[in-house]
Amino acid sequence: MIRIWIVVLFSLPIFFVSPQQSFAAEESLAALADEGQRLAALLRVGRGVISNNQALINDPAIGDKGLSSTAFMKIVEEEYKALYGAAPLEGGLSPEQRSLTEAQLASMVEVMDENQDLINTEGMGFKGFIPAIFARLVNERFVEKQGTRARVKVTAPLHLVRNRKARPDDWENAVLTDKFANPDWPKGDAFYEEIAGTESTTFRMLIPEYYGESCLSCHGGPAGEVDVTGFPKEGGASGDLAGAISITLTE
């Protein structure tokens, strides 16, 4: 199971702005990057709560796990506030940030509500409701709410992707292979840019993620050994590039 955190989440990464772009353009990119980092932060916190409760979720001796959407969201809010100093909807959020955060929170509530029967199944051990599945379901529900306006996706280098839905597109793959996999890339730095289209401008951001010790039970060694989810382990080590959170915002 993957549980990965950004150490300094809201310190903005390197700007990739051409010399011709104005300071105002840089300010606009900074605001979009902050929105992207906030979306990634909240997803990580929710995913972390699922990770921290895997033993409880998979305990066959317990029926009601006490992880209703209300209880879950209370933990998410408390942990987010402990990490970043304010609850997800507190602070000086812009209308856009508030709208995106509300949609993401609502997506988490729906996913937890829809999986209560599975989570609370007595007599069943491993249930497959792992952090990666939780994140994918939340991201899919978020896209349903936002349409083309905003998208969050967890992806990975092609040789690490387990679910075809998580395969990187051409832009994501280029960033993963040409930038994040490059040993000269500053570890943890995100890459983002605006891409002008014929009818709209799209902001794209990729935030790297790395294996932590808790990830290695599924993604560590020995390579090829089948893990609890039924997939062969990748043979990764703590600190290796594991994937990325992809953010797309469209004007």
C-alpha atoms as a PDB file:
ATOM      1  CA  MET A   1       0.000   0.000   0.000  1.00  0.00           C
ATOM      2  CA  ILE A   2       1.287   3.436  -0.826  1.00  0.00           C
ATOM      3  CA  ARG A   3       1.466   6.133   1.773  1.00  0.00           C
ATOM      4  CA  ILE A   4       3.528   9.082   0.603  1.00  0.00           C
ATOM      5  CA  TRP A   5       3.727  12.630   1.911  1.00  0.00           C
ATOM      6  CA  ILE A   6       5.089  15.922   0.683  1.00  0.00           C
ATOM      7  CA  VAL A   7       7.427  17.366   3.288  1.00  0.00           C
ATOM      8  CA  VAL A   8       6.813  21.044   2.509  1.00  0.00           C
ATOM      9  CA  LEU A   9       3.624  20.922   0.551  1.00  0.00           C
ATOM     10  CA  PHE A  10       2.720  24.540   0.022  1.00  0.00           C
ATOM     11  CA  SER A  11       6.140  25.943  -0.769  1.00  0.00           C
ATOM     12  CA  LEU A  12       5.704  26.380  -4.481  1.00  0.00           C
ATOM     13  CA  PRO A  13       7.989  24.478  -6.826  1.00  0.00           C
ATOM     14  CA  ILE A  14      10.231  25.836  -9.549  1.00  0.00           C
ATOM     15  CA  PHE A  15       8.510  28.100 -12.054  1.00  0.00           C
ATOM     16  CA  PHE A  16       8.761  27.066 -15.675  1.00  0.00           C
ATOM     17  CA  VAL A  17       7.964  30.420 -17.259  1.00  0.00           C
ATOM     18  CA  SER A  18       9.428  31.703 -20.502  1.00  0.00           C
ATOM     19  CA  PRO A  19      11.280  35.068 -20.397  1.00  0.00           C
ATOM     20  CA  GLN A  20       8.511  36.610 -22.490  1.00  0.00           C
ATOM     21  CA  GLN A  21       5.870  35.951 -19.856  1.00  0.00           C
ATOM     22  CA  SER A  22       5.041  38.817 -17.550  1.00  0.00           C
ATOM     23  CA  PHE A  23       5.155  38.928 -13.762  1.00  0.00           C
ATOM     24  CA  ALA A  24       1.348  38.812 -13.859  1.00  0.00           C
ATOM     25  CA  ALA A  25       1.567  35.517 -15.740  1.00  0.00           C
ATOM     26  CA  GLU A  26       3.909  34.154 -13.071  1.00  0.00           C
ATOM     27  CA  GLU A  27       1.445  35.236 -10.391  1.00  0.00           C
ATOM     28  CA  SER A  28      -1.356  33.427 -12.241  1.00  0.00           C
ATOM     29  CA  LEU A  29       0.745  30.264 -12.480  1.00  0.00           C
ATOM     30  CA  ALA A  30       1.558  30.509  -8.781  1.00  0.00           C
ATOM     31  CA  ALA A  31      -2.144  30.637  -7.919  1.00  0.00           C
ATOM     32  CA  LEU A  32      -2.870  27.616 -10.104  1.00  0.00           C
ATOM     33  CA  ALA A  33       0.063  25.734  -8.609  1.00  0.00           C
ATOM     34  CA  ASP A  34      -1.259  26.458  -5.127  1.00  0.00           C
ATOM     35  CA  GLU A  35      -4.653  25.061  -6.133  1.00  0.00           C
ATOM     36  CA  GLY A  36      -2.929  21.945  -7.452  1.00  0.00           C
ATOM     37  CA  GLN A  37      -0.888  21.493  -4.289  1.00  0.00           C
ATOM     38  CA  ARG A  38      -4.001  21.838  -2.135  1.00  0.00           C
ATOM     39  CA  LEU A  39      -5.828  19.174  -4.130  1.00  0.00           C
ATOM     40  CA  ALA A  40      -2.847  16.840  -3.804  1.00  0.00           C
ATOM     41  CA  ALA A  41      -2.543  17.576  -0.075  1.00  0.00           C
ATOM     42  CA  LEU A  42      -6.137  16.702   0.698  1.00  0.00           C
ATOM     43  CA  LEU A  43      -6.006  13.530  -1.381  1.00  0.00           C
ATOM     44  CA  ARG A  44      -2.860  12.454   0.457  1.00  0.00           C
ATOM     45  CA  VAL A  45      -4.421  13.034   3.863  1.00  0.00           C
ATOM     46  CA  GLY A  46      -7.501  10.991   2.963  1.00  0.00           C
ATOM     47  CA  ARG A  47      -5.357   8.249   1.510  1.00  0.00           C
ATOM     48  CA  GLY A  48      -3.205   8.292   4.646  1.00  0.00           C
ATOM     49  CA  VAL A  49      -6.246   7.737   6.868  1.00  0.00           C
ATOM     50  CA  ILE A  50      -7.110   4.643   4.824  1.00  0.00           C
ATOM     51  CA  SER A  51      -3.501   3.463   5.123  1.00  0.00           C
ATOM     52  CA  ASN A  52      -3.424   3.980   8.890  1.00  0.00           C
ATOM     53  CA  ASN A  53      -6.629   1.965   9.284  1.00  0.00           C
ATOM     54  CA  GLN A  54      -5.775  -1.021   7.082  1.00  0.00           C
ATOM     55  CA  ALA A  55      -5.454  -3.380  10.054  1.00  0.00           C
ATOM     56  CA  LEU A  56      -8.877  -2.302  11.293  1.00  0.00           C
ATOM     57  CA  ILE A  57     -10.528  -2.480   7.858  1.00  0.00           C
ATOM     58  CA  ASN A  58      -9.132  -5.997   7.293  1.00  0.00           C
ATOM     59  CA  ASP A  59      -9.936  -7.355  10.768  1.00  0.00           C
ATOM     60  CA  PRO A  60     -12.390 -10.238  10.172  1.00  0.00           C
ATOM     61  CA  ALA A  61     -13.423 -10.318  13.825  1.00  0.00           C
ATOM     62  CA  ILE A  62     -14.930  -6.824  13.781  1.00  0.00           C
ATOM     63  CA  GLY A  63     -18.136  -5.870  12.025  1.00  0.00           C
ATOM     64  CA  ASP A  64     -18.756  -2.166  12.355  1.00  0.00           C
ATOM     65  CA  LYS A  65     -15.336  -0.558  12.036  1.00  0.00           C
ATOM     66  CA  GLY A  66     -16.473   2.883  13.174  1.00  0.00           C
ATOM     67  CA  LEU A  67     -15.287   4.372   9.877  1.00  0.00           C
ATOM     68  CA  SER A  68     -18.495   5.949   8.680  1.00  0.00           C
ATOM     69  CA  SER A  69     -18.052   8.858   6.294  1.00  0.00           C
ATOM     70  CA  THR A  70     -18.694  11.213   9.222  1.00  0.00           C
ATOM     71  CA  ALA A  71     -16.029   9.596  11.395  1.00  0.00           C
ATOM     72  CA  PHE A  72     -13.611   9.379   8.477  1.00  0.00           C
ATOM     73  CA  MET A  73     -14.008  13.021   7.506  1.00  0.00           C
ATOM     74  CA  LYS A  74     -13.487  14.110  11.103  1.00  0.00           C
ATOM     75  CA  ILE A  75     -10.111  12.339  11.102  1.00  0.00           C
ATOM     76  CA  VAL A  76      -9.237  13.852   7.723  1.00  0.00           C
ATOM     77  CA  GLU A  77     -10.042  17.353   8.955  1.00  0.00           C
ATOM     78  CA  GLU A  78      -8.047  16.890  12.171  1.00  0.00           C
ATOM     79  CA  GLU A  79      -4.997  15.485  10.378  1.00  0.00           C
ATOM     80  CA  TYR A  80      -5.100  18.105   7.641  1.00  0.00           C
ATOM     81  CA  LYS A  81      -5.304  20.853  10.254  1.00  0.00           C
ATOM     82  CA  ALA A  82      -2.409  19.334  12.216  1.00  0.00           C
ATOM     83  CA  LEU A  83      -0.270  19.293   9.074  1.00  0.00           C
ATOM     84  CA  TYR A  84      -1.183  22.641   7.526  1.00  0.00           C
ATOM     85  CA  GLY A  85      -2.549  24.770  10.345  1.00  0.00           C
ATOM     86  CA  ALA A  86      -6.133  25.042   9.133  1.00  0.00           C
ATOM     87  CA  ALA A  87      -8.952  22.705   8.166  1.00  0.00           C
ATOM     88  CA  PRO A  88      -9.496  22.156   4.421  1.00  0.00           C
ATOM     89  CA  LEU A  89     -12.180  24.837   4.153  1.00  0.00           C
ATOM     90  CA  GLU A  90     -10.651  27.284   6.628  1.00  0.00           C
ATOM     91  CA  GLY A  91      -8.385  30.187   5.815  1.00  0.00           C
ATOM     92  CA  GLY A  92      -8.340  32.623   2.954  1.00  0.00           C
ATOM     93  CA  LEU A  93      -9.463  30.357   0.151  1.00  0.00           C
ATOM     94  CA  SER A  94     -10.348  31.858  -3.184  1.00  0.00           C
ATOM     95  CA  PRO A  95     -13.829  31.005  -4.539  1.00  0.00           C
ATOM     96  CA  GLU A  96     -12.181  28.585  -6.963  1.00  0.00           C
ATOM     97  CA  GLN A  97     -10.172  26.863  -4.224  1.00  0.00           C
ATOM     98  CA  ARG A  98     -13.262  26.556  -2.043  1.00  0.00           C
ATOM     99  CA  SER A  99     -15.310  25.080  -4.880  1.00  0.00           C
ATOM    100  CA  LEU A 100     -12.642  22.508  -5.769  1.00  0.00           C
ATOM    101  CA  THR A 101     -12.088  21.565  -2.111  1.00  0.00           C
ATOM    102  CA  GLU A 102     -15.812  21.140  -1.501  1.00  0.00           C
ATOM    103  CA  ALA A 103     -16.048  18.835  -4.528  1.00  0.00           C
ATOM    104  CA  GLN A 104     -13.093  16.778  -3.329  1.00  0.00           C
ATOM    105  CA  LEU A 105     -14.492  16.460   0.194  1.00  0.00           C
ATOM    106  CA  ALA A 106     -17.902  15.454  -1.185  1.00  0.00           C
ATOM    107  CA  SER A 107     -16.203  12.816  -3.334  1.00  0.00           C
ATOM    108  CA  MET A 108     -14.510  11.325  -0.268  1.00  0.00           C
ATOM    109  CA  VAL A 109     -17.805  11.203   1.616  1.00  0.00           C
ATOM    110  CA  GLU A 110     -19.518   9.405  -1.258  1.00  0.00           C
ATOM    111  CA  VAL A 111     -16.729   6.839  -1.628  1.00  0.00           C
ATOM    112  CA  MET A 112     -16.786   6.068   2.084  1.00  0.00           C
ATOM    113  CA  ASP A 113     -20.589   5.803   2.115  1.00  0.00           C
ATOM    114  CA  GLU A 114     -20.621   3.484  -0.894  1.00  0.00           C
ATOM    115  CA  ASN A 115     -18.023   1.139   0.619  1.00  0.00           C
ATOM    116  CA  GLN A 116     -19.437   0.763   4.119  1.00  0.00           C
ATOM    117  CA  ASP A 117     -20.805  -2.732   3.461  1.00  0.00           C
ATOM    118  CA  LEU A 118     -17.386  -3.878   2.275  1.00  0.00           C
ATOM    119  CA  ILE A 119     -15.471  -2.192   5.093  1.00  0.00           C
ATOM    120  CA  ASN A 120     -17.814  -3.653   7.721  1.00  0.00           C
ATOM    121  CA  THR A 121     -17.970  -7.208   6.335  1.00  0.00           C
ATOM    122  CA  GLU A 122     -17.459  -9.532   9.297  1.00  0.00           C
ATOM    123  CA  GLY A 123     -15.534 -12.762   8.751  1.00  0.00           C
ATOM    124  CA  MET A 124     -13.601 -11.351   5.786  1.00  0.00           C
ATOM    125  CA  GLY A 125      -9.934 -10.432   6.031  1.00  0.00           C
ATOM    126  CA  PHE A 126      -8.247  -8.509   3.229  1.00  0.00           C
ATOM    127  CA  LYS A 127     -10.918  -6.464   1.483  1.00  0.00           C
ATOM    128  CA  GLY A 128      -8.970  -4.704  -1.231  1.00  0.00           C
ATOM    129  CA  PHE A 129     -10.020  -1.278   0.024  1.00  0.00           C
ATOM    130  CA  ILE A 130      -6.458   0.008  -0.002  1.00  0.00           C
ATOM    131  CA  PRO A 131      -5.166   3.592  -0.310  1.00  0.00           C
ATOM    132  CA  ALA A 132      -4.618   3.311  -4.075  1.00  0.00           C
ATOM    133  CA  ILE A 133      -8.194   2.133  -4.657  1.00  0.00           C
ATOM    134  CA  PHE A 134      -9.587   4.829  -2.379  1.00  0.00           C
ATOM    135  CA  ALA A 135      -7.628   7.508  -4.258  1.00  0.00           C
ATOM    136  CA  ARG A 136      -8.753   6.248  -7.661  1.00  0.00           C
ATOM    137  CA  LEU A 137     -12.415   6.148  -6.633  1.00  0.00           C
ATOM    138  CA  VAL A 138     -12.241   9.639  -5.131  1.00  0.00           C
ATOM    139  CA  ASN A 139     -10.529  11.025  -8.221  1.00  0.00           C
ATOM    140  CA  GLU A 140     -13.093   9.440 -10.534  1.00  0.00           C
ATOM    141  CA  ARG A 141     -15.956  10.895  -8.508  1.00  0.00           C
ATOM    142  CA  PHE A 142     -14.219  14.298  -8.460  1.00  0.00           C
ATOM    143  CA  VAL A 143     -13.960  14.275 -12.265  1.00  0.00           C
ATOM    144  CA  GLU A 144     -17.650  13.426 -12.504  1.00  0.00           C
ATOM    145  CA  LYS A 145     -18.415  16.554 -10.500  1.00  0.00           C
ATOM    146  CA  GLN A 146     -15.961  18.849 -12.280  1.00  0.00           C
ATOM    147  CA  GLY A 147     -16.110  17.665 -15.873  1.00  0.00           C
ATOM    148  CA  THR A 148     -13.347  19.229 -17.949  1.00  0.00           C
ATOM    149  CA  ARG A 149     -12.812  21.999 -15.389  1.00  0.00           C
ATOM    150  CA  ALA A 150     -10.518  20.012 -13.089  1.00  0.00           C
ATOM    151  CA  ARG A 151      -9.016  16.560 -12.852  1.00  0.00           C
ATOM    152  CA  VAL A 152      -6.882  14.754 -10.275  1.00  0.00           C
ATOM    153  CA  LYS A 153      -5.184  11.485 -11.175  1.00  0.00           C
ATOM    154  CA  VAL A 154      -2.568   9.265  -9.568  1.00  0.00           C
ATOM    155  CA  THR A 155      -0.222   7.852 -12.185  1.00  0.00           C
ATOM    156  CA  ALA A 156       3.204   6.232 -12.372  1.00  0.00           C
ATOM    157  CA  PRO A 157       5.976   5.306 -14.790  1.00  0.00           C
ATOM    158  CA  LEU A 158       4.692   2.709 -17.248  1.00  0.00           C
ATOM    159  CA  HIS A 159       6.713  -0.135 -15.722  1.00  0.00           C
ATOM    160  CA  LEU A 160       5.108   0.506 -12.314  1.00  0.00           C
ATOM    161  CA  VAL A 161       1.459   0.959 -13.323  1.00  0.00           C
ATOM    162  CA  ARG A 162      -0.807  -1.772 -11.961  1.00  0.00           C
ATOM    163  CA  ASN A 163      -4.174  -0.437 -13.129  1.00  0.00           C
ATOM    164  CA  ARG A 164      -4.558   0.519 -16.776  1.00  0.00           C
ATOM    165  CA  LYS A 165      -6.721   3.472 -15.722  1.00  0.00           C
ATOM    166  CA  ALA A 166      -3.626   4.917 -14.055  1.00  0.00           C
ATOM    167  CA  ARG A 167      -1.424   4.759 -17.155  1.00  0.00           C
ATOM    168  CA  PRO A 168       0.268   8.094 -17.845  1.00  0.00           C
ATOM    169  CA  ASP A 169      -0.740  10.041 -20.919  1.00  0.00           C
ATOM    170  CA  ASP A 170       1.949  11.372 -23.254  1.00  0.00           C
ATOM    171  CA  TRP A 171       2.495  14.574 -21.247  1.00  0.00           C
ATOM    172  CA  GLU A 172       2.668  12.749 -17.904  1.00  0.00           C
ATOM    173  CA  ASN A 173       4.975  10.083 -19.305  1.00  0.00           C
ATOM    174  CA  ALA A 174       7.344  12.706 -20.699  1.00  0.00           C
ATOM    175  CA  VAL A 175       7.585  14.476 -17.341  1.00  0.00           C
ATOM    176  CA  LEU A 176       8.041  11.204 -15.442  1.00  0.00           C
ATOM    177  CA  THR A 177      10.797   9.928 -17.711  1.00  0.00           C
ATOM    178  CA  ASP A 178      12.564  13.114 -18.815  1.00  0.00           C
ATOM    179  CA  LYS A 179      12.390  15.062 -15.557  1.00  0.00           C
ATOM    180  CA  PHE A 180      11.480  13.078 -12.438  1.00  0.00           C
ATOM    181  CA  ALA A 181      13.584  10.036 -13.385  1.00  0.00           C
ATOM    182  CA  ASN A 182      16.566  12.263 -14.109  1.00  0.00           C
ATOM    183  CA  PRO A 183      19.005  12.089 -11.169  1.00  0.00           C
ATOM    184  CA  ASP A 184      19.604  15.838 -11.540  1.00  0.00           C
ATOM    185  CA  TRP A 185      15.929  16.650 -10.896  1.00  0.00           C
ATOM    186  CA  PRO A 186      15.492  18.223  -7.423  1.00  0.00           C
ATOM    187  CA  LYS A 187      13.739  15.552  -5.410  1.00  0.00           C
ATOM    188  CA  GLY A 188      10.166  16.482  -4.518  1.00  0.00           C
ATOM    189  CA  ASP A 189       9.895  19.407  -6.933  1.00  0.00           C
ATOM    190  CA  ALA A 190       6.755  19.483  -9.031  1.00  0.00           C
ATOM    191  CA  PHE A 191       6.655  20.421 -12.698  1.00  0.00           C
ATOM    192  CA  TYR A 192       3.881  22.574 -14.142  1.00  0.00           C
ATOM    193  CA  GLU A 193       3.085  24.638 -17.191  1.00  0.00           C
ATOM    194  CA  GLU A 194       0.228  26.247 -19.073  1.00  0.00           C
ATOM    195  CA  ILE A 195      -0.686  24.748 -22.420  1.00  0.00           C
ATOM    196  CA  ALA A 196      -2.562  27.039 -24.803  1.00  0.00           C
ATOM    197  CA  GLY A 197      -5.257  25.423 -26.925  1.00  0.00           C
ATOM    198  CA  THR A 198      -7.446  26.731 -29.684  1.00  0.00           C
ATOM    199  CA  GLU A 199     -10.421  27.258 -27.391  1.00  0.00           C
ATOM    200  CA  SER A 200      -9.012  27.184 -23.854  1.00  0.00           C
ATOM    201  CA  THR A 201      -5.840  27.196 -21.772  1.00  0.00           C
ATOM    202  CA  THR A 202      -4.972  24.161 -19.692  1.00  0.00           C
ATOM    203  CA  PHE A 203      -2.780  24.176 -16.590  1.00  0.00           C
ATOM    204  CA  ARG A 204      -0.991  20.894 -16.038  1.00  0.00           C
ATOM    205  CA  MET A 205       0.964  19.910 -12.958  1.00  0.00           C
ATOM    206  CA  LEU A 206       2.739  16.739 -11.931  1.00  0.00           C
ATOM    207  CA  ILE A 207       3.834  16.205  -8.310  1.00  0.00           C
ATOM    208  CA  PRO A 208       6.287  13.335  -7.745  1.00  0.00           C
ATOM    209  CA  GLU A 209       5.751  10.691  -5.098  1.00  0.00           C
ATOM    210  CA  TYR A 210       8.324   8.344  -3.601  1.00  0.00           C
ATOM    211  CA  TYR A 211       8.137   5.018  -1.820  1.00  0.00           C
ATOM    212  CA  GLY A 212       8.135   5.171   1.966  1.00  0.00           C
ATOM    213  CA  GLU A 213       8.841   2.265   4.280  1.00  0.00           C
ATOM    214  CA  SER A 214       5.128   1.478   4.604  1.00  0.00           C
ATOM    215  CA  CYS A 215       4.903   1.049   0.807  1.00  0.00           C
ATOM    216  CA  LEU A 216       7.472  -1.718   0.609  1.00  0.00           C
ATOM    217  CA  SER A 217       5.254  -4.522   1.910  1.00  0.00           C
ATOM    218  CA  CYS A 218       3.557  -4.368  -1.492  1.00  0.00           C
ATOM    219  CA  HIS A 219       6.097  -2.593  -3.695  1.00  0.00           C
ATOM    220  CA  GLY A 220       9.447  -3.669  -2.230  1.00  0.00           C
ATOM    221  CA  GLY A 221      11.367  -6.898  -2.558  1.00  0.00           C
ATOM    222  CA  PRO A 222      11.877  -9.506  -3.509  1.00  0.00           C
ATOM    223  CA  ALA A 223      10.888  -8.371  -6.986  1.00  0.00           C
ATOM    224  CA  GLY A 224       8.317 -10.672  -8.528  1.00  0.00           C
ATOM    225  CA  GLU A 225       6.968 -12.051  -5.254  1.00  0.00           C
ATOM    226  CA  VAL A 226       3.187 -11.791  -5.177  1.00  0.00           C
ATOM    227  CA  ASP A 227       1.898  -9.319  -2.596  1.00  0.00           C
ATOM    228  CA  VAL A 228      -1.356  -9.360  -0.656  1.00  0.00           C
ATOM    229  CA  THR A 229      -3.212  -7.638  -3.522  1.00  0.00           C
ATOM    230  CA  GLY A 230      -2.209 -10.355  -5.985  1.00  0.00           C
ATOM    231  CA  PHE A 231       0.338  -8.300  -7.923  1.00  0.00           C
ATOM    232  CA  PRO A 232       4.066  -9.028  -8.240  1.00  0.00           C
ATOM    233  CA  LYS A 233       6.231  -6.735  -6.150  1.00  0.00           C
ATOM    234  CA  GLU A 234       8.287  -4.186  -8.036  1.00  0.00           C
ATOM    235  CA  GLY A 235      11.425  -4.487  -5.917  1.00  0.00           C
ATOM    236  CA  GLY A 236      11.377  -0.802  -5.005  1.00  0.00           C
ATOM    237  CA  ALA A 237      13.345   0.813  -2.212  1.00  0.00           C
ATOM    238  CA  SER A 238      12.447   3.634   0.141  1.00  0.00           C
ATOM    239  CA  GLY A 239      12.975   6.924  -1.668  1.00  0.00           C
ATOM    240  CA  ASP A 240      12.564   5.525  -5.174  1.00  0.00           C
ATOM    241  CA  LEU A 241      10.219   7.323  -7.553  1.00  0.00           C
ATOM    242  CA  ALA A 242       6.844   5.606  -7.162  1.00  0.00           C
ATOM    243  CA  GLY A 243       4.558   7.771  -9.253  1.00  0.00           C
ATOM    244  CA  ALA A 244       2.964  11.179  -9.282  1.00  0.00           C
ATOM    245  CA  ILE A 245      -0.226  13.093  -8.682  1.00  0.00           C
ATOM    246  CA  SER A 246      -1.395  14.734 -11.884  1.00  0.00           C
ATOM    247  CA  ILE A 247      -3.475  17.921 -11.728  1.00  0.00           C
ATOM    248  CA  THR A 248      -5.294  19.387 -14.721  1.00  0.00           C
ATOM    249  CA  LEU A 249      -7.170  22.699 -14.514  1.00  0.00           C
ATOM    250  CA  THR A 250      -8.901  24.159 -17.577  1.00  0.00           C
ATOM    251  CA  GLU A 251     -10.076  27.731 -18.006  1.00  0.00           C
END
